[in-house]
Protein backbone atom coordinates (compact mmCIF):
# COMPACT_ATOMS: atom_id res chain seq x y z
CA MET A 1 -78.92 163.00 -72.87
CA THR A 2 -81.26 166.18 -71.55
CA ASP A 3 -80.19 168.18 -68.81
CA LEU A 4 -81.52 166.78 -65.18
CA VAL A 5 -81.08 170.06 -63.44
CA ASP A 6 -81.80 173.70 -64.28
CA VAL A 7 -79.19 175.85 -62.27
CA ILE A 8 -80.38 179.30 -61.68
CA CYS A 9 -77.04 181.48 -60.53
CA GLU A 10 -77.69 184.33 -58.18
CA ALA A 11 -73.94 184.39 -57.06
CA PRO A 12 -71.32 185.18 -59.27
CA GLU A 13 -69.02 182.98 -57.56
CA TRP A 14 -70.44 179.94 -58.64
CA GLU A 15 -69.46 180.71 -62.61
CA ALA A 16 -66.28 179.52 -61.74
CA ALA A 17 -66.93 176.33 -60.14
CA ASP A 18 -68.65 174.85 -62.93
CA LEU A 19 -71.76 174.22 -60.81
CA GLU A 20 -74.01 172.86 -63.64
CA THR A 21 -71.30 170.19 -64.35
CA LEU A 22 -71.25 169.40 -60.58
CA ALA A 23 -75.08 169.18 -60.50
CA GLU A 24 -75.34 166.83 -63.32
CA GLN A 25 -73.06 164.32 -61.95
CA ALA A 26 -73.99 164.42 -58.71
CA CYS A 27 -78.15 164.42 -59.25
CA ARG A 28 -77.56 161.63 -62.22
CA ALA A 29 -75.50 159.38 -59.89
CA ALA A 30 -78.19 159.85 -57.17
CA LEU A 31 -81.12 158.82 -59.11
CA THR A 32 -79.09 156.18 -61.25
CA TRP A 33 -77.84 154.37 -57.98
CA LEU A 34 -81.35 154.29 -57.28
CA ALA A 35 -82.73 152.38 -60.22
CA LEU A 36 -84.53 155.67 -61.47
CA ASP A 37 -84.07 157.05 -64.87
CA PRO A 38 -82.50 160.25 -64.69
CA SER A 39 -83.88 161.64 -68.14
CA ARG A 40 -87.57 161.17 -66.61
CA PHE A 41 -86.97 164.17 -63.87
CA GLU A 42 -86.19 167.48 -63.54
CA ILE A 43 -84.55 169.69 -60.55
CA SER A 44 -84.03 172.82 -59.88
CA LEU A 45 -81.01 174.47 -58.47
CA LEU A 46 -80.62 177.95 -57.31
CA ALA A 47 -77.27 178.80 -57.16
CA CYS A 48 -77.26 181.42 -54.08
CA ASP A 49 -75.40 183.51 -51.50
CA ASP A 50 -75.14 183.00 -47.66
CA ALA A 51 -77.21 186.17 -47.32
CA ARG A 52 -79.84 184.67 -49.82
CA ILE A 53 -80.12 181.20 -48.26
CA ALA A 54 -80.06 182.59 -44.62
CA ASN A 55 -83.68 184.51 -45.78
CA LEU A 56 -85.09 181.14 -47.03
CA ASN A 57 -83.74 179.23 -44.20
CA ALA A 58 -85.45 182.14 -42.26
CA ASP A 59 -88.89 181.68 -44.28
CA PHE A 60 -89.29 177.67 -44.39
CA ARG A 61 -87.46 176.77 -41.53
CA GLY A 62 -87.67 179.48 -39.28
CA LYS A 63 -83.75 179.57 -38.83
CA PRO A 64 -82.72 183.29 -40.02
CA GLN A 65 -78.70 182.15 -40.53
CA PRO A 66 -77.35 180.67 -43.82
CA THR A 67 -76.92 176.95 -44.27
CA ASN A 68 -75.44 174.76 -46.86
CA VAL A 69 -78.26 173.25 -48.95
CA LEU A 70 -82.11 173.50 -48.49
CA SER A 71 -84.36 171.37 -50.56
CA TRP A 72 -88.12 171.49 -51.15
CA PRO A 73 -89.58 168.60 -52.65
CA ALA A 74 -92.60 169.08 -55.35
CA ASP A 75 -94.57 166.34 -53.92
CA GLU A 76 -94.33 163.96 -50.50
CA ILE A 77 -92.78 160.49 -51.78
CA ASP A 78 -93.79 157.59 -49.74
CA LEU A 79 -90.58 156.01 -48.83
CA PRO A 80 -90.49 152.50 -47.66
CA LEU A 81 -87.57 152.56 -45.05
CA GLY A 82 -84.58 150.35 -47.18
CA ALA A 83 -86.42 150.42 -50.38
CA PRO A 84 -86.16 152.56 -53.24
CA PRO A 85 -89.00 155.78 -53.76
CA GLU A 86 -92.35 155.08 -55.19
CA MET A 87 -92.15 157.45 -58.01
CA PRO A 88 -95.06 158.44 -60.50
CA ASP A 89 -93.96 157.33 -64.20
CA PRO A 90 -94.88 159.84 -66.52
CA GLY A 91 -94.36 157.13 -69.09
CA PRO A 92 -92.09 157.26 -72.30
CA ASP A 93 -93.94 160.34 -74.07
CA GLY A 94 -94.63 162.31 -70.95
CA PRO A 95 -92.74 165.14 -69.62
CA PRO A 96 -90.17 164.92 -66.92
CA TYR A 97 -91.76 164.94 -63.10
CA GLU A 98 -90.19 167.50 -61.01
CA LEU A 99 -88.47 166.36 -58.29
CA GLY A 100 -88.51 169.79 -56.77
CA ASP A 101 -86.12 172.61 -55.88
CA ILE A 102 -82.78 172.50 -54.54
CA ALA A 103 -80.54 175.90 -52.92
CA ILE A 104 -77.14 175.71 -52.03
CA ALA A 105 -75.19 178.68 -50.84
CA TYR A 106 -71.44 179.49 -52.09
CA GLN A 107 -69.81 180.73 -48.71
CA THR A 108 -71.42 178.11 -46.47
CA CYS A 109 -69.97 175.55 -48.99
CA GLN A 110 -66.60 177.04 -49.49
CA ARG A 111 -66.19 177.44 -45.62
CA GLU A 112 -66.96 174.05 -45.11
CA ALA A 113 -64.81 172.46 -47.42
CA LYS A 114 -61.87 174.34 -46.10
CA ASP A 115 -63.06 173.47 -42.66
CA GLN A 116 -62.88 170.07 -43.33
CA ASP A 117 -60.00 169.64 -45.85
CA LYS A 118 -62.23 168.81 -48.53
CA PRO A 119 -61.86 169.53 -52.15
CA PHE A 120 -64.63 172.07 -53.14
CA ALA A 121 -65.89 170.04 -55.93
CA ASP A 122 -66.35 167.09 -53.47
CA HIS A 123 -68.17 169.11 -51.30
CA VAL A 124 -70.66 170.36 -53.35
CA ARG A 125 -71.02 167.23 -55.19
CA HIS A 126 -72.03 165.72 -51.61
CA LEU A 127 -74.55 168.22 -50.49
CA LEU A 128 -76.15 167.95 -54.15
CA VAL A 129 -76.18 164.46 -53.60
CA HIS A 130 -78.22 165.20 -50.15
CA GLY A 131 -80.26 167.33 -51.53
CA THR A 132 -81.48 165.08 -54.22
CA LEU A 133 -82.00 162.34 -51.57
CA HIS A 134 -84.32 164.48 -49.51
CA LEU A 135 -86.19 165.07 -52.92
CA LEU A 136 -86.91 161.54 -52.75
CA GLY A 137 -88.37 161.37 -49.23
CA PHE A 138 -84.80 161.03 -47.67
CA ASP A 139 -84.48 162.13 -44.05
CA HIS A 140 -82.09 162.16 -41.23
CA ILE A 141 -84.39 162.90 -38.34
CA ASN A 142 -83.66 160.15 -36.55
CA ASP A 143 -80.66 158.09 -36.12
CA ALA A 144 -82.33 154.95 -38.43
CA ASP A 145 -83.38 157.27 -41.08
CA ALA A 146 -79.54 159.10 -40.75
CA ALA A 147 -77.70 156.18 -41.31
CA VAL A 148 -79.62 155.21 -44.15
CA MET A 149 -79.24 158.34 -46.21
CA GLU A 150 -75.53 158.49 -45.01
CA GLY A 151 -74.93 155.22 -46.60
CA ILE A 152 -76.50 155.88 -49.57
CA GLU A 153 -74.81 159.18 -50.09
CA THR A 154 -71.61 157.33 -49.34
CA ARG A 155 -72.08 154.76 -51.89
CA VAL A 156 -73.46 157.36 -54.33
CA LEU A 157 -70.35 159.78 -53.99
CA ALA A 158 -67.88 156.61 -53.94
CA THR A 159 -69.28 156.20 -58.06
CA LEU A 160 -67.78 159.48 -58.53
CA GLY A 161 -64.74 158.85 -56.89
CA VAL A 162 -65.52 161.34 -53.88
CA PRO A 163 -64.13 159.98 -50.72
CA ASP A 164 -66.53 158.87 -47.59
CA PRO A 165 -67.65 162.23 -46.30
CA TYR A 166 -68.51 160.85 -43.06
């Protein structure tokens, strides 16, 4: 099995969290649930702190404060409502398709997990499933899209033994 997620760790706090394993589990589960072969894809994950993600949030969203997770799809993917995304097929001998980048902030994740009385690992898995869905074109800008995305997240997380986060 090849690595789906390439983790770049900028915040040493993540080392004890075994983020590599959590990321592989969560991202792989999201792709598998959507009937996409995880071996055909690649995701880059930046494990950072609140200061770094606040800078990224300011640069890319105009919001100069920390957030839990950010995602940057490599390509815009056509996503018919309620259907699996139409993904390019690199073929059996082609290199993995780069879905995009995710950044996740340790302090915000830790604070949210504590405030919501959730295990840290479960919260991180949820945010990584969420980020992966964004890379695939899912969004939650309106209520209908949010309901679709939250429903998928809940079902994917259930395959990992994570309770409904909503």
